[in-house]
Protein backbone atom coordinates (compact mmCIF):
# COMPACT_ATOMS: atom_id res chain seq x y z
CA UNK A 1 36.70 99.54 68.35
CA UNK A 2 37.23 102.39 66.07
CA UNK A 3 39.91 105.04 66.05
CA UNK A 4 39.06 108.61 66.45
CA UNK A 5 41.17 111.72 65.32
CA UNK A 6 44.09 109.62 63.46
CA UNK A 7 44.34 112.65 61.25
CA UNK A 8 47.82 113.32 62.77
CA UNK A 9 50.32 111.31 60.76
CA UNK A 10 52.25 108.48 62.59
CA UNK A 11 49.75 109.10 65.72
CA UNK A 12 47.15 106.68 66.66
CA UNK A 13 43.84 108.51 67.94
CA UNK A 14 42.54 107.53 71.31
CA UNK A 15 40.43 104.36 70.97
CA UNK A 16 36.51 104.90 71.72
CA UNK A 17 34.64 102.46 73.63
CA UNK A 18 30.71 102.19 73.41
CA UNK A 19 29.36 105.71 74.49
CA UNK A 20 27.81 104.32 77.71
CA UNK A 21 31.15 103.35 79.12
CA UNK A 22 31.12 99.73 78.83
CA UNK A 23 34.81 98.52 78.66
CA UNK A 24 35.88 95.12 77.41
CA UNK A 25 35.30 92.40 79.58
CA UNK A 26 32.25 93.98 81.35
CA UNK A 27 28.92 92.59 81.18
CA UNK A 28 26.67 95.15 82.97
CA UNK A 29 25.80 98.48 81.48
CA UNK A 30 25.16 101.51 83.77
CA UNK A 31 22.30 103.71 83.45
CA UNK A 32 22.76 106.43 81.39
CA UNK A 33 22.76 109.22 83.31
CA UNK A 34 23.82 111.61 80.28
CA UNK A 35 20.15 111.14 79.24
CA UNK A 36 18.51 111.82 82.33
CA UNK A 37 20.41 114.84 83.57
CA UNK A 38 22.83 115.50 81.30
CA UNK A 39 20.81 118.60 79.71
CA UNK A 40 20.21 120.33 83.27
CA UNK A 41 22.61 123.37 83.16
CA UNK A 42 24.22 123.02 86.80
CA UNK A 43 23.54 119.20 87.55
CA UNK A 44 24.90 118.24 84.34
CA UNK A 45 28.50 119.17 84.31
CA UNK A 46 28.68 117.66 87.70
CA UNK A 47 27.33 114.48 86.74
CA UNK A 48 29.28 114.35 83.38
CA UNK A 49 32.55 114.68 85.66
CA UNK A 50 31.72 111.72 87.94
CA UNK A 51 30.61 109.46 85.27
CA UNK A 52 33.97 110.11 83.42
CA UNK A 53 35.69 109.28 86.95
CA UNK A 54 33.98 105.68 87.43
CA UNK A 55 33.38 104.72 83.75
CA UNK A 56 36.02 106.38 81.61
CA UNK A 57 34.83 106.05 77.84
CA UNK A 58 38.55 106.58 76.09
CA UNK A 59 41.68 104.55 76.25
CA UNK A 60 45.09 105.94 75.03
CA UNK A 61 47.68 103.78 73.12
CA UNK A 62 50.99 105.35 72.42
CA UNK A 63 52.57 104.86 68.82
CA UNK A 64 56.11 105.38 67.90
CA UNK A 65 56.00 108.50 66.34
CA UNK A 66 58.23 109.21 63.02
CA UNK A 67 58.63 113.18 63.52
CA UNK A 68 58.30 115.86 65.56
CA UNK A 69 54.69 116.37 64.62
CA UNK A 70 53.78 112.95 65.44
CA UNK A 71 55.62 113.21 68.75
CA UNK A 72 53.83 116.56 69.49
CA UNK A 73 50.55 114.52 68.18
CA UNK A 74 51.09 111.77 70.91
CA UNK A 75 50.88 114.39 73.88
CA UNK A 76 47.92 116.16 72.42
CA UNK A 77 45.80 112.72 71.98
CA UNK A 78 46.84 111.69 75.53
CA UNK A 79 45.28 115.04 76.73
CA UNK A 80 42.08 114.28 74.70
CA UNK A 81 41.80 111.11 75.94
CA UNK A 82 40.90 112.29 79.58
CA UNK A 83 37.31 113.10 77.61
CA UNK A 84 36.54 116.42 79.61
CA UNK A 85 33.95 118.63 78.11
CA UNK A 86 36.87 120.69 76.84
CA UNK A 87 38.71 117.90 75.07
CA UNK A 88 37.37 118.55 71.83
CA UNK A 89 37.64 114.74 71.03
CA UNK A 90 36.35 114.90 67.44
CA UNK A 91 39.36 117.51 66.47
CA UNK A 92 42.81 116.42 65.71
CA UNK A 93 44.53 118.77 68.24
CA UNK A 94 41.72 118.92 70.92
CA UNK A 95 40.22 122.15 71.69
CA UNK A 96 42.79 124.39 70.23
CA UNK A 97 44.47 125.00 66.84
CA UNK A 98 48.05 123.99 67.14
CA UNK A 99 50.65 125.76 64.77
CA UNK A 100 54.37 124.00 64.84
CA UNK A 101 57.64 125.66 64.36
CA UNK A 102 57.87 124.42 60.83
CA UNK A 103 54.70 126.09 59.78
CA UNK A 104 52.67 122.87 59.87
CA UNK A 105 49.35 123.09 61.77
CA UNK A 106 47.08 120.52 63.79
CA UNK A 107 43.47 121.51 63.42
CA UNK A 108 41.51 122.08 66.73
CA UNK A 109 37.82 123.04 67.79
CA UNK A 110 38.77 126.84 67.97
CA UNK A 111 41.67 128.34 66.46
CA UNK A 112 43.05 131.24 68.97
CA UNK A 113 44.02 133.29 66.00
CA UNK A 114 40.93 134.24 65.41
CA UNK A 115 39.95 135.19 69.08
CA UNK A 116 43.19 137.26 69.19
CA UNK A 117 42.39 139.15 66.22
CA UNK A 118 39.55 140.53 68.49
CA UNK A 119 41.53 141.97 71.04
CA UNK A 120 41.96 145.69 71.14
CA UNK A 121 44.69 146.06 73.13
CA UNK A 122 47.97 146.57 71.75
CA UNK A 123 50.00 143.49 73.48
CA UNK A 124 53.26 144.40 72.47
CA UNK A 125 55.77 144.23 75.21
CA UNK A 126 52.97 143.15 77.78
CA UNK A 127 52.54 140.26 80.46
CA UNK A 128 49.81 138.48 80.20
CA UNK A 129 48.00 135.90 82.24
CA UNK A 130 45.57 133.40 81.25
CA UNK A 131 43.33 131.71 83.81
CA UNK A 132 42.20 128.27 82.50
CA UNK A 133 44.67 128.39 79.59
CA UNK A 134 43.61 124.78 78.20
CA UNK A 135 46.15 123.90 75.71
CA UNK A 136 48.20 127.36 76.10
CA UNK A 137 46.70 128.11 72.43
CA UNK A 138 46.17 131.85 73.04
CA UNK A 139 49.68 132.67 74.39
CA UNK A 140 51.39 130.43 71.92
CA UNK A 141 49.69 132.75 69.12
CA UNK A 142 50.54 135.83 70.97
CA UNK A 143 54.47 134.83 71.89
CA UNK A 144 55.95 137.01 69.30
CA UNK A 145 54.26 140.24 70.75
CA UNK A 146 54.38 139.86 74.25
CA UNK A 147 56.87 140.16 76.81
CA UNK A 148 55.81 137.33 78.99
CA UNK A 149 53.17 135.06 79.28
CA UNK A 150 51.59 132.62 82.26
CA UNK A 151 49.24 130.21 82.02
CA UNK A 152 47.33 128.07 84.35
CA UNK A 153 44.96 125.27 84.22
CA UNK A 154 43.90 122.29 86.58
CA UNK A 155 44.18 119.74 83.96
CA UNK A 156 47.86 118.42 84.13
CA UNK A 157 47.71 116.87 80.63
CA UNK A 158 46.65 120.07 78.93
CA UNK A 159 49.64 121.82 80.65
CA UNK A 160 52.23 118.94 79.62
CA UNK A 161 50.56 119.40 75.89
CA UNK A 162 51.12 123.62 76.35
CA UNK A 163 54.84 123.00 77.56
CA UNK A 164 55.36 120.32 74.75
CA UNK A 165 54.27 122.74 72.20
CA UNK A 166 56.05 125.89 73.57
CA UNK A 167 59.25 123.69 73.29
CA UNK A 168 58.71 123.10 69.68
CA UNK A 169 58.22 126.72 69.03
CA UNK A 170 61.40 127.56 71.49
CA UNK A 171 58.71 130.16 73.26
CA UNK A 172 61.18 130.93 76.34
CA UNK A 173 58.83 133.83 77.45
CA UNK A 174 55.78 131.37 78.29
CA UNK A 175 55.56 129.62 81.29
CA UNK A 176 52.39 127.15 82.10
CA UNK A 177 51.58 125.83 85.48
CA UNK A 178 49.02 123.41 87.03
CA UNK A 179 46.60 125.03 89.41
CA UNK A 180 43.19 124.31 90.41
CA UNK A 181 41.12 127.62 90.60
CA UNK A 182 38.61 126.27 92.57
CA UNK A 183 40.70 124.13 95.18
CA UNK A 184 44.12 126.21 95.59
CA UNK A 185 44.45 129.81 97.14
CA UNK A 186 44.26 132.21 94.40
CA UNK A 187 46.64 134.54 96.04
CA UNK A 188 49.23 131.85 95.36
CA UNK A 189 49.14 132.96 91.55
CA UNK A 190 50.97 136.07 92.34
CA UNK A 191 53.87 133.83 93.36
CA UNK A 192 53.88 132.27 89.87
CA UNK A 193 54.43 135.55 88.26
CA UNK A 194 57.29 137.80 88.31
CA UNK A 195 56.50 140.86 89.72
CA UNK A 196 53.05 139.68 91.38
CA UNK A 197 51.19 141.86 88.59
CA UNK A 198 50.44 141.50 85.24
CA UNK A 199 48.93 143.97 82.32
CA UNK A 200 46.26 141.84 81.06
CA UNK A 201 44.40 138.89 82.06
CA UNK A 202 42.31 136.44 80.12
CA UNK A 203 39.42 134.49 81.65
CA UNK A 204 38.09 132.73 78.72
CA UNK A 205 35.15 130.51 78.73
CA UNK A 206 35.79 129.17 82.07
CA UNK A 207 33.27 130.71 84.73
CA UNK A 208 30.72 128.08 84.11
CA UNK A 209 32.80 125.37 85.49
CA UNK A 210 33.85 127.35 88.79
CA UNK A 211 31.56 127.49 91.41
CA UNK A 212 33.89 130.27 92.70
CA UNK A 213 33.95 132.50 89.53
CA UNK A 214 32.95 135.77 91.22
CA UNK A 215 36.17 135.44 93.39
CA UNK A 216 38.18 134.34 90.60
CA UNK A 217 37.21 137.77 88.45
CA UNK A 218 37.81 139.78 91.86
CA UNK A 219 41.55 138.28 92.00
CA UNK A 220 42.00 138.89 88.31
CA UNK A 221 40.96 142.42 89.16
CA UNK A 222 43.36 142.99 91.87
CA UNK A 223 46.30 141.82 89.59
CA UNK A 224 45.49 143.70 86.68
CA UNK A 225 43.68 146.89 85.18
CA UNK A 226 42.48 145.04 81.96
CA UNK A 227 40.75 141.66 81.18
CA UNK A 228 39.63 140.08 78.37
CA UNK A 229 36.63 138.04 79.21
CA UNK A 230 34.39 135.25 77.73
CA UNK A 231 31.24 134.12 79.28
CA UNK A 232 29.90 130.38 78.65
CA UNK A 233 27.17 128.53 79.98
CA UNK A 234 23.64 129.05 79.74
CA UNK A 235 21.90 132.37 78.84
CA UNK A 236 21.25 132.77 82.58
CA UNK A 237 24.84 132.15 83.54
CA UNK A 238 26.03 134.46 81.05
CA UNK A 239 23.76 137.21 81.92
CA UNK A 240 25.20 136.81 85.62
CA UNK A 241 28.69 136.99 84.42
CA UNK A 242 28.23 139.88 82.56
CA UNK A 243 26.50 141.70 85.21
CA UNK A 244 29.22 140.86 87.65
CA UNK A 245 31.70 141.70 85.21
CA UNK A 246 30.12 145.02 84.57
CA UNK A 247 30.19 146.00 88.39
CA UNK A 248 33.75 145.14 88.85
CA UNK A 249 35.00 147.09 85.87
CA UNK A 250 34.71 150.73 85.07
CA UNK A 251 34.40 149.88 81.17
CA UNK A 252 33.11 146.74 79.76
CA UNK A 253 32.81 146.79 76.16
CA UNK A 254 31.42 143.77 74.22
CA UNK A 255 34.16 142.56 71.40
CA UNK A 256 32.12 139.89 69.88
CA UNK A 257 28.20 138.97 70.63
CA UNK A 258 28.76 135.07 69.40
CA UNK A 259 31.85 132.59 69.18
CA UNK A 260 31.86 132.17 65.58
CA UNK A 261 35.04 130.58 65.68
CA UNK A 262 33.86 127.65 67.59
CA UNK A 263 31.59 125.55 64.95
CA UNK A 264 30.13 123.28 67.93
CA UNK A 265 29.42 126.29 70.48
CA UNK A 266 28.42 129.68 69.24
CA UNK A 267 26.64 131.15 72.19
CA UNK A 268 29.47 132.92 73.95
CA UNK A 269 30.38 136.37 74.47
CA UNK A 270 33.41 138.00 74.24
CA UNK A 271 34.35 141.45 76.26
CA UNK A 272 37.03 143.74 77.03
CA UNK A 273 36.63 145.24 80.53
CA UNK A 274 39.24 147.31 82.13
CA UNK A 275 39.45 150.29 84.87
């Protein structure tokens, strides 16, 4: 087996097995559903989820870390080993670049600081909710500006990673929770937020993964007058997302026509929506 992402000193990356999902000791190769239907915009993601559940592709092997960077790296690598579409396996930190308290950096597919720089809102002293926060990178990048940040994600490994980096940075004003936007009552999110309302909601590159994305936008609008929204998916999907957003908010401004911060996927749009 070849090692992937071994750039974090003192941390072994997830070990890769053959791309078709065969694990040691097996003799039968499953049919490649990825080749047959993986490119379809709606069916593809569903099939990839099923394939990963039946034929896990990556294995994780923890190593004894020699320092804090290595310990954080173990947690990041464990999150990546789940091999979801947003795991960003080729990158040491996964999907989002991580900066630690000692000033060191672990590179990810996207650097949250670049998207933060595009936000036209003064977030000083504000409360921010990040729906689908992944490793918490956006809130972690804003920890010194905002009064309180709440991040939620359905993936417990990503939330563990967010909490581990938060501990390293001693960011006591951030909270991260496991919550499934599709399967759990959206109204319960109010009970995770002191006061039940926030100043700004982030909904970034999430909607293509959700069947109920319109409900999520409606919920976000009910608890905040402002949203930073990033579309994702096919051109048709993104056009539908933009149209719905414009129908729900009084003013919607395009901040970026492309996601230039992402070397692997630049066809997303970033918006600022407010009442």
